[in-house]
Amino acid sequence: WIPLYVIVIGFLFWRLGWKKALIVIGACLL
């Protein structure tokens, strides 16, 4: 499922912008 996570991360950057995406990715990692 690593490719799924990479795709979701890509969409987060695309749809939210880099600042919001990094925060959401950090929340997912936590």
Full PDB file with SEQRES, HELIX, SHEET, SSBOND, CRYST1, ORIGX, SCALE, CONECT and MASTER records, all heavy atoms in Angstrom:
SEQRES   1 A   30  TRP ILE PRO LEU TYR VAL ILE VAL ILE GLY PHE LEU PHE          
SEQRES   2 A   30  TRP ARG LEU GLY TRP LYS LYS ALA LEU ILE VAL ILE GLY          
SEQRES   3 A   30  ALA CYS LEU LEU                                              
HELIX    1 AA1 ILE A    2  LEU A   16  1                                  15    
HELIX    2 AA2 TRP A   18  LEU A   29  1                                  12    
CRYST1    1.000    1.000    1.000  90.00  90.00  90.00 P 1           1          
ORIGX1      1.000000  0.000000  0.000000        0.00000                         
ORIGX2      0.000000  1.000000  0.000000        0.00000                         
ORIGX3      0.000000  0.000000  1.000000        0.00000                         
SCALE1      1.000000  0.000000  0.000000        0.00000                         
SCALE2      0.000000  1.000000  0.000000        0.00000                         
SCALE3      0.000000  0.000000  1.000000        0.00000                         
ATOM      1  N   TRP A   1       0.799  -1.226   0.000  1.00  0.00           N  
ATOM      2  CA  TRP A   1       0.000   0.000   0.000  1.00  0.00           C  
ATOM      3  C   TRP A   1       0.832   1.276   0.000  1.00  0.00           C  
ATOM      4  O   TRP A   1       0.269   2.374   0.003  1.00  0.00           O  
ATOM      5  CB  TRP A   1      -0.960  -0.017   1.184  1.00  0.00           C  
ATOM      6  CG  TRP A   1      -1.957  -1.112   1.021  1.00  0.00           C  
ATOM      7  CD1 TRP A   1      -2.045  -2.252   1.752  1.00  0.00           C  
ATOM      8  CD2 TRP A   1      -2.969  -1.204   0.018  1.00  0.00           C  
ATOM      9  NE1 TRP A   1      -3.060  -3.045   1.276  1.00  0.00           N  
ATOM     10  CE2 TRP A   1      -3.640  -2.431   0.206  1.00  0.00           C  
ATOM     11  CE3 TRP A   1      -3.370  -0.383  -1.034  1.00  0.00           C  
ATOM     12  CZ2 TRP A   1      -4.690  -2.843  -0.605  1.00  0.00           C  
ATOM     13  CZ3 TRP A   1      -4.420  -0.796  -1.840  1.00  0.00           C  
ATOM     14  CH2 TRP A   1      -5.070  -2.011  -1.620  1.00  0.00           C  
ATOM     15  N   ILE A   2       2.152   1.166  -0.053  1.00  0.00           N  
ATOM     16  CA  ILE A   2       2.995   2.370  -0.100  1.00  0.00           C  
ATOM     17  C   ILE A   2       2.613   3.278  -1.276  1.00  0.00           C  
ATOM     18  O   ILE A   2       2.495   4.496  -1.099  1.00  0.00           O  
ATOM     19  CB  ILE A   2       4.492   1.995  -0.104  1.00  0.00           C  
ATOM     20  CG1 ILE A   2       4.874   1.426   1.268  1.00  0.00           C  
ATOM     21  CG2 ILE A   2       5.365   3.199  -0.458  1.00  0.00           C  
ATOM     22  CD1 ILE A   2       6.268   0.846   1.347  1.00  0.00           C  
ATOM     23  N   PRO A   3       2.368   2.739  -2.492  1.00  0.00           N  
ATOM     24  CA  PRO A   3       1.948   3.624  -3.589  1.00  0.00           C  
ATOM     25  C   PRO A   3       0.646   4.393  -3.286  1.00  0.00           C  
ATOM     26  O   PRO A   3       0.510   5.556  -3.681  1.00  0.00           O  
ATOM     27  CB  PRO A   3       1.764   2.680  -4.776  1.00  0.00           C  
ATOM     28  CG  PRO A   3       2.661   1.519  -4.472  1.00  0.00           C  
ATOM     29  CD  PRO A   3       2.605   1.368  -2.972  1.00  0.00           C  
ATOM     30  N   LEU A   4      -0.273   3.763  -2.562  1.00  0.00           N  
ATOM     31  CA  LEU A   4      -1.504   4.468  -2.195  1.00  0.00           C  
ATOM     32  C   LEU A   4      -1.186   5.679  -1.325  1.00  0.00           C  
ATOM     33  O   LEU A   4      -1.707   6.777  -1.546  1.00  0.00           O  
ATOM     34  CB  LEU A   4      -2.468   3.535  -1.460  1.00  0.00           C  
ATOM     35  CG  LEU A   4      -3.710   4.213  -0.862  1.00  0.00           C  
ATOM     36  CD1 LEU A   4      -4.668   4.632  -1.968  1.00  0.00           C  
ATOM     37  CD2 LEU A   4      -4.405   3.300   0.129  1.00  0.00           C  
ATOM     38  N   TYR A   5      -0.310   5.488  -0.342  1.00  0.00           N  
ATOM     39  CA  TYR A   5       0.058   6.601   0.529  1.00  0.00           C  
ATOM     40  C   TYR A   5       0.733   7.718  -0.264  1.00  0.00           C  
ATOM     41  O   TYR A   5       0.471   8.899  -0.038  1.00  0.00           O  
ATOM     42  CB  TYR A   5       0.994   6.128   1.651  1.00  0.00           C  
ATOM     43  CG  TYR A   5       0.381   5.100   2.578  1.00  0.00           C  
ATOM     44  CD1 TYR A   5       1.048   3.921   2.868  1.00  0.00           C  
ATOM     45  CD2 TYR A   5      -0.861   5.317   3.147  1.00  0.00           C  
ATOM     46  CE1 TYR A   5       0.487   2.973   3.720  1.00  0.00           C  
ATOM     47  CE2 TYR A   5      -1.420   4.376   4.000  1.00  0.00           C  
ATOM     48  CZ  TYR A   5      -0.748   3.201   4.272  1.00  0.00           C  
ATOM     49  OH  TYR A   5      -1.310   2.278   5.109  1.00  0.00           O  
ATOM     50  N   VAL A   6       1.591   7.345  -1.207  1.00  0.00           N  
ATOM     51  CA  VAL A   6       2.275   8.343  -2.036  1.00  0.00           C  
ATOM     52  C   VAL A   6       1.265   9.125  -2.883  1.00  0.00           C  
ATOM     53  O   VAL A   6       1.360  10.355  -3.005  1.00  0.00           O  
ATOM     54  CB  VAL A   6       3.355   7.669  -2.922  1.00  0.00           C  
ATOM     55  CG1 VAL A   6       3.932   8.639  -3.933  1.00  0.00           C  
ATOM     56  CG2 VAL A   6       4.452   7.075  -2.051  1.00  0.00           C  
ATOM     57  N   ILE A   7       0.287   8.427  -3.441  1.00  0.00           N  
ATOM     58  CA  ILE A   7      -0.748   9.096  -4.251  1.00  0.00           C  
ATOM     59  C   ILE A   7      -1.562  10.052  -3.383  1.00  0.00           C  
ATOM     60  O   ILE A   7      -1.834  11.195  -3.787  1.00  0.00           O  
ATOM     61  CB  ILE A   7      -1.652   8.053  -4.943  1.00  0.00           C  
ATOM     62  CG1 ILE A   7      -0.866   7.337  -6.035  1.00  0.00           C  
ATOM     63  CG2 ILE A   7      -2.909   8.702  -5.514  1.00  0.00           C  
ATOM     64  CD1 ILE A   7      -1.543   6.101  -6.597  1.00  0.00           C  
ATOM     65  N   VAL A   8      -1.956   9.612  -2.187  1.00  0.00           N  
ATOM     66  CA  VAL A   8      -2.728  10.488  -1.291  1.00  0.00           C  
ATOM     67  C   VAL A   8      -1.904  11.718  -0.924  1.00  0.00           C  
ATOM     68  O   VAL A   8      -2.423  12.845  -0.940  1.00  0.00           O  
ATOM     69  CB  VAL A   8      -3.196   9.722  -0.029  1.00  0.00           C  
ATOM     70  CG1 VAL A   8      -3.788  10.671   1.000  1.00  0.00           C  
ATOM     71  CG2 VAL A   8      -4.207   8.645  -0.404  1.00  0.00           C  
ATOM     72  N   ILE A   9      -0.630  11.527  -0.634  1.00  0.00           N  
ATOM     73  CA  ILE A   9       0.236  12.671  -0.314  1.00  0.00           C  
ATOM     74  C   ILE A   9       0.311  13.632  -1.502  1.00  0.00           C  
ATOM     75  O   ILE A   9       0.215  14.853  -1.335  1.00  0.00           O  
ATOM     76  CB  ILE A   9       1.653  12.174   0.096  1.00  0.00           C  
ATOM     77  CG1 ILE A   9       1.589  11.530   1.483  1.00  0.00           C  
ATOM     78  CG2 ILE A   9       2.668  13.316   0.077  1.00  0.00           C  
ATOM     79  CD1 ILE A   9       2.845  10.777   1.881  1.00  0.00           C  
ATOM     80  N   GLY A  10       0.448  13.086  -2.694  1.00  0.00           N  
ATOM     81  CA  GLY A  10       0.465  13.928  -3.898  1.00  0.00           C  
ATOM     82  C   GLY A  10      -0.811  14.744  -4.041  1.00  0.00           C  
ATOM     83  O   GLY A  10      -0.773  15.946  -4.337  1.00  0.00           O  
ATOM     84  N   PHE A  11      -1.949  14.096  -3.820  1.00  0.00           N  
ATOM     85  CA  PHE A  11      -3.231  14.806  -3.908  1.00  0.00           C  
ATOM     86  C   PHE A  11      -3.373  15.851  -2.807  1.00  0.00           C  
ATOM     87  O   PHE A  11      -3.962  16.910  -3.026  1.00  0.00           O  
ATOM     88  CB  PHE A  11      -4.405  13.826  -3.862  1.00  0.00           C  
ATOM     89  CG  PHE A  11      -4.788  13.311  -5.212  1.00  0.00           C  
ATOM     90  CD1 PHE A  11      -4.446  12.023  -5.593  1.00  0.00           C  
ATOM     91  CD2 PHE A  11      -5.486  14.108  -6.103  1.00  0.00           C  
ATOM     92  CE1 PHE A  11      -4.782  11.541  -6.844  1.00  0.00           C  
ATOM     93  CE2 PHE A  11      -5.831  13.637  -7.362  1.00  0.00           C  
ATOM     94  CZ  PHE A  11      -5.477  12.344  -7.741  1.00  0.00           C  
ATOM     95  N   LEU A  12      -2.837  15.566  -1.622  1.00  0.00           N  
ATOM     96  CA  LEU A  12      -2.879  16.565  -0.546  1.00  0.00           C  
ATOM     97  C   LEU A  12      -2.129  17.827  -0.961  1.00  0.00           C  
ATOM     98  O   LEU A  12      -2.630  18.946  -0.775  1.00  0.00           O  
ATOM     99  CB  LEU A  12      -2.299  15.993   0.748  1.00  0.00           C  
ATOM    100  CG  LEU A  12      -3.190  15.037   1.534  1.00  0.00           C  
ATOM    101  CD1 LEU A  12      -2.387  14.303   2.597  1.00  0.00           C  
ATOM    102  CD2 LEU A  12      -4.364  15.768   2.158  1.00  0.00           C  
ATOM    103  N   PHE A  13      -0.938  17.659  -1.527  1.00  0.00           N  
ATOM    104  CA  PHE A  13      -0.170  18.826  -1.992  1.00  0.00           C  
ATOM    105  C   PHE A  13      -0.914  19.558  -3.109  1.00  0.00           C  
ATOM    106  O   PHE A  13      -0.971  20.788  -3.130  1.00  0.00           O  
ATOM    107  CB  PHE A  13       1.223  18.410  -2.474  1.00  0.00           C  
ATOM    108  CG  PHE A  13       2.208  18.237  -1.353  1.00  0.00           C  
ATOM    109  CD1 PHE A  13       2.627  16.976  -0.967  1.00  0.00           C  
ATOM    110  CD2 PHE A  13       2.713  19.340  -0.679  1.00  0.00           C  
ATOM    111  CE1 PHE A  13       3.539  16.809   0.067  1.00  0.00           C  
ATOM    112  CE2 PHE A  13       3.625  19.190   0.366  1.00  0.00           C  
ATOM    113  CZ  PHE A  13       4.033  17.920   0.739  1.00  0.00           C  
ATOM    114  N   TRP A  14      -1.499  18.791  -4.024  1.00  0.00           N  
ATOM    115  CA  TRP A  14      -2.198  19.389  -5.163  1.00  0.00           C  
ATOM    116  C   TRP A  14      -3.440  20.159  -4.720  1.00  0.00           C  
ATOM    117  O   TRP A  14      -3.694  21.271  -5.176  1.00  0.00           O  
ATOM    118  CB  TRP A  14      -2.546  18.288  -6.160  1.00  0.00           C  
ATOM    119  CG  TRP A  14      -3.324  18.756  -7.349  1.00  0.00           C  
ATOM    120  CD1 TRP A  14      -3.053  19.832  -8.160  1.00  0.00           C  
ATOM    121  CD2 TRP A  14      -4.499  18.162  -7.878  1.00  0.00           C  
ATOM    122  NE1 TRP A  14      -3.989  19.937  -9.152  1.00  0.00           N  
ATOM    123  CE2 TRP A  14      -4.900  18.912  -8.999  1.00  0.00           C  
ATOM    124  CE3 TRP A  14      -5.263  17.054  -7.516  1.00  0.00           C  
ATOM    125  CZ2 TRP A  14      -6.014  18.600  -9.764  1.00  0.00           C  
ATOM    126  CZ3 TRP A  14      -6.362  16.750  -8.281  1.00  0.00           C  
ATOM    127  CH2 TRP A  14      -6.747  17.516  -9.388  1.00  0.00           C  
ATOM    128  N   ARG A  15      -4.225  19.566  -3.822  1.00  0.00           N  
ATOM    129  CA  ARG A  15      -5.511  20.170  -3.447  1.00  0.00           C  
ATOM    130  C   ARG A  15      -5.408  21.195  -2.318  1.00  0.00           C  
ATOM    131  O   ARG A  15      -6.242  22.082  -2.220  1.00  0.00           O  
ATOM    132  CB  ARG A  15      -6.511  19.088  -3.048  1.00  0.00           C  
ATOM    133  CG  ARG A  15      -6.874  18.115  -4.135  1.00  0.00           C  
ATOM    134  CD  ARG A  15      -7.339  18.783  -5.402  1.00  0.00           C  
ATOM    135  NE  ARG A  15      -8.499  19.587  -5.213  1.00  0.00           N  
ATOM    136  CZ  ARG A  15      -9.612  19.520  -5.902  1.00  0.00           C  
ATOM    137  NH1 ARG A  15      -9.711  18.649  -6.875  1.00  0.00           N  
ATOM    138  NH2 ARG A  15     -10.614  20.318  -5.647  1.00  0.00           N  
ATOM    139  N   LEU A  16      -4.409  21.056  -1.447  1.00  0.00           N  
ATOM    140  CA  LEU A  16      -4.341  21.932  -0.276  1.00  0.00           C  
ATOM    141  C   LEU A  16      -3.210  22.957  -0.333  1.00  0.00           C  
ATOM    142  O   LEU A  16      -3.229  23.919   0.427  1.00  0.00           O  
ATOM    143  CB  LEU A  16      -4.168  21.097   1.005  1.00  0.00           C  
ATOM    144  CG  LEU A  16      -5.250  20.085   1.338  1.00  0.00           C  
ATOM    145  CD1 LEU A  16      -4.889  19.335   2.609  1.00  0.00           C  
ATOM    146  CD2 LEU A  16      -6.612  20.756   1.473  1.00  0.00           C  
ATOM    147  N   GLY A  17      -2.235  22.734  -1.168  1.00  0.00           N  
ATOM    148  CA  GLY A  17      -1.044  23.572  -1.133  1.00  0.00           C  
ATOM    149  C   GLY A  17      -0.047  22.983  -0.148  1.00  0.00           C  
ATOM    150  O   GLY A  17      -0.391  22.161   0.699  1.00  0.00           O  
ATOM    151  N   TRP A  18       1.212  23.412  -0.267  1.00  0.00           N  
ATOM    152  CA  TRP A  18       2.260  22.740   0.490  1.00  0.00           C  
ATOM    153  C   TRP A  18       2.161  22.938   1.993  1.00  0.00           C  
ATOM    154  O   TRP A  18       2.451  22.025   2.751  1.00  0.00           O  
ATOM    155  CB  TRP A  18       3.640  23.114  -0.042  1.00  0.00           C  
ATOM    156  CG  TRP A  18       4.082  24.526   0.257  1.00  0.00           C  
ATOM    157  CD1 TRP A  18       3.840  25.638  -0.488  1.00  0.00           C  
ATOM    158  CD2 TRP A  18       4.824  24.951   1.382  1.00  0.00           C  
ATOM    159  NE1 TRP A  18       4.384  26.740   0.102  1.00  0.00           N  
ATOM    160  CE2 TRP A  18       5.012  26.343   1.266  1.00  0.00           C  
ATOM    161  CE3 TRP A  18       5.363  24.301   2.496  1.00  0.00           C  
ATOM    162  CZ2 TRP A  18       5.699  27.085   2.208  1.00  0.00           C  
ATOM    163  CZ3 TRP A  18       6.053  25.047   3.429  1.00  0.00           C  
ATOM    164  CH2 TRP A  18       6.215  26.426   3.285  1.00  0.00           C  
ATOM    165  N   LYS A  19       1.748  24.117   2.459  1.00  0.00           N  
ATOM    166  CA  LYS A  19       1.692  24.344   3.913  1.00  0.00           C  
ATOM    167  C   LYS A  19       0.637  23.465   4.576  1.00  0.00           C  
ATOM    168  O   LYS A  19       0.918  22.759   5.549  1.00  0.00           O  
ATOM    169  CB  LYS A  19       1.384  25.811   4.212  1.00  0.00           C  
ATOM    170  CG  LYS A  19       2.509  26.759   3.957  1.00  0.00           C  
ATOM    171  CD  LYS A  19       2.077  28.161   4.340  1.00  0.00           C  
ATOM    172  CE  LYS A  19       3.113  29.197   3.963  1.00  0.00           C  
ATOM    173  NZ  LYS A  19       2.670  30.553   4.261  1.00  0.00           N  
ATOM    174  N   LYS A  20      -0.573  23.523   4.036  1.00  0.00           N  
ATOM    175  CA  LYS A  20      -1.652  22.714   4.614  1.00  0.00           C  
ATOM    176  C   LYS A  20      -1.348  21.220   4.474  1.00  0.00           C  
ATOM    177  O   LYS A  20      -1.605  20.434   5.389  1.00  0.00           O  
ATOM    178  CB  LYS A  20      -2.982  23.034   3.945  1.00  0.00           C  
ATOM    179  CG  LYS A  20      -3.523  24.406   4.262  1.00  0.00           C  
ATOM    180  CD  LYS A  20      -4.849  24.632   3.537  1.00  0.00           C  
ATOM    181  CE  LYS A  20      -5.399  26.012   3.795  1.00  0.00           C  
ATOM    182  NZ  LYS A  20      -6.662  26.237   3.063  1.00  0.00           N  
ATOM    183  N   ALA A  21      -0.793  20.847   3.317  1.00  0.00           N  
ATOM    184  CA  ALA A  21      -0.491  19.432   3.082  1.00  0.00           C  
ATOM    185  C   ALA A  21       0.523  18.914   4.093  1.00  0.00           C  
ATOM    186  O   ALA A  21       0.348  17.816   4.641  1.00  0.00           O  
ATOM    187  CB  ALA A  21       0.028  19.225   1.661  1.00  0.00           C  
ATOM    188  N   LEU A  22       1.572  19.679   4.355  1.00  0.00           N  
ATOM    189  CA  LEU A  22       2.572  19.236   5.335  1.00  0.00           C  
ATOM    190  C   LEU A  22       1.959  19.065   6.723  1.00  0.00           C  
ATOM    191  O   LEU A  22       2.308  18.117   7.444  1.00  0.00           O  
ATOM    192  CB  LEU A  22       3.741  20.224   5.390  1.00  0.00           C  
ATOM    193  CG  LEU A  22       4.721  20.167   4.223  1.00  0.00           C  
ATOM    194  CD1 LEU A  22       5.789  21.248   4.367  1.00  0.00           C  
ATOM    195  CD2 LEU A  22       5.367  18.792   4.106  1.00  0.00           C  
ATOM    196  N   ILE A  23       1.062  19.941   7.089  1.00  0.00           N  
ATOM    197  CA  ILE A  23       0.410  19.830   8.395  1.00  0.00           C  
ATOM    198  C   ILE A  23      -0.459  18.567   8.452  1.00  0.00           C  
ATOM    199  O   ILE A  23      -0.414  17.811   9.434  1.00  0.00           O  
ATOM    200  CB  ILE A  23      -0.411  21.099   8.715  1.00  0.00           C  
ATOM    201  CG1 ILE A  23       0.545  22.285   8.926  1.00  0.00           C  
ATOM    202  CG2 ILE A  23      -1.308  20.888   9.930  1.00  0.00           C  
ATOM    203  CD1 ILE A  23      -0.142  23.636   9.004  1.00  0.00           C  
ATOM    204  N   VAL A  24      -1.225  18.319   7.393  1.00  0.00           N  
ATOM    205  CA  VAL A  24      -2.085  17.127   7.365  1.00  0.00           C  
ATOM    206  C   VAL A  24      -1.236  15.854   7.348  1.00  0.00           C  
ATOM    207  O   VAL A  24      -1.539  14.882   8.047  1.00  0.00           O  
ATOM    208  CB  VAL A  24      -3.060  17.176   6.164  1.00  0.00           C  
ATOM    209  CG1 VAL A  24      -3.804  15.864   6.004  1.00  0.00           C  
ATOM    210  CG2 VAL A  24      -4.038  18.332   6.330  1.00  0.00           C  
ATOM    211  N   ILE A  25      -0.162  15.851   6.577  1.00  0.00           N  
ATOM    212  CA  ILE A  25       0.727  14.680   6.537  1.00  0.00           C  
ATOM    213  C   ILE A  25       1.333  14.442   7.920  1.00  0.00           C  
ATOM    214  O   ILE A  25       1.418  13.297   8.387  1.00  0.00           O  
ATOM    215  CB  ILE A  25       1.821  14.868   5.465  1.00  0.00           C  
ATOM    216  CG1 ILE A  25       1.191  14.832   4.073  1.00  0.00           C  
ATOM    217  CG2 ILE A  25       2.906  13.805   5.594  1.00  0.00           C  
ATOM    218  CD1 ILE A  25       2.078  15.366   2.979  1.00  0.00           C  
ATOM    219  N   GLY A  26       1.742  15.519   8.587  1.00  0.00           N  
ATOM    220  CA  GLY A  26       2.253  15.386   9.956  1.00  0.00           C  
ATOM    221  C   GLY A  26       1.220  14.786  10.893  1.00  0.00           C  
ATOM    222  O   GLY A  26       1.542  13.925  11.726  1.00  0.00           O  
ATOM    223  N   ALA A  27      -0.035  15.212  10.745  1.00  0.00           N  
ATOM    224  CA  ALA A  27      -1.114  14.661  11.573  1.00  0.00           C  
ATOM    225  C   ALA A  27      -1.321  13.176  11.286  1.00  0.00           C  
ATOM    226  O   ALA A  27      -1.526  12.376  12.205  1.00  0.00           O  
ATOM    227  CB  ALA A  27      -2.406  15.443  11.344  1.00  0.00           C  
ATOM    228  N   CYS A  28      -1.244  12.799  10.009  1.00  0.00           N  
ATOM    229  CA  CYS A  28      -1.380  11.379   9.650  1.00  0.00           C  
ATOM    230  C   CYS A  28      -0.240  10.554  10.241  1.00  0.00           C  
ATOM    231  O   CYS A  28      -0.467   9.448  10.749  1.00  0.00           O  
ATOM    232  CB  CYS A  28      -1.423  11.212   8.132  1.00  0.00           C  
ATOM    233  SG  CYS A  28      -2.944  11.793   7.356  1.00  0.00           S  
ATOM    234  N   LEU A  29       0.974  11.094  10.184  1.00  0.00           N  
ATOM    235  CA  LEU A  29       2.117  10.382  10.773  1.00  0.00           C  
ATOM    236  C   LEU A  29       1.962  10.234  12.284  1.00  0.00           C  
ATOM    237  O   LEU A  29       2.257   9.165  12.837  1.00  0.00           O  
ATOM    238  CB  LEU A  29       3.419  11.115  10.442  1.00  0.00           C  
ATOM    239  CG  LEU A  29       3.870  11.030   8.986  1.00  0.00           C  
ATOM    240  CD1 LEU A  29       5.074  11.934   8.745  1.00  0.00           C  
ATOM    241  CD2 LEU A  29       4.194   9.590   8.598  1.00  0.00           C  
ATOM    242  N   LEU A  30       1.495  11.279  12.945  1.00  0.00           N  
ATOM    243  CA  LEU A  30       1.265  11.190  14.388  1.00  0.00           C  
ATOM    244  C   LEU A  30       0.184  10.147  14.705  1.00  0.00           C  
ATOM    245  O   LEU A  30       0.277   9.434  15.711  1.00  0.00           O  
ATOM    246  CB  LEU A  30       0.879  12.555  14.958  1.00  0.00           C  
ATOM    247  CG  LEU A  30       2.015  13.580  15.024  1.00  0.00           C  
ATOM    248  CD1 LEU A  30       1.459  14.958  15.394  1.00  0.00           C  
ATOM    249  CD2 LEU A  30       3.074  13.140  16.017  1.00  0.00           C  
TER     250      LEU A  30                                                      
MASTER        0    0    0    2    0    0    0    6  249    1    0    3          
END                                                                             
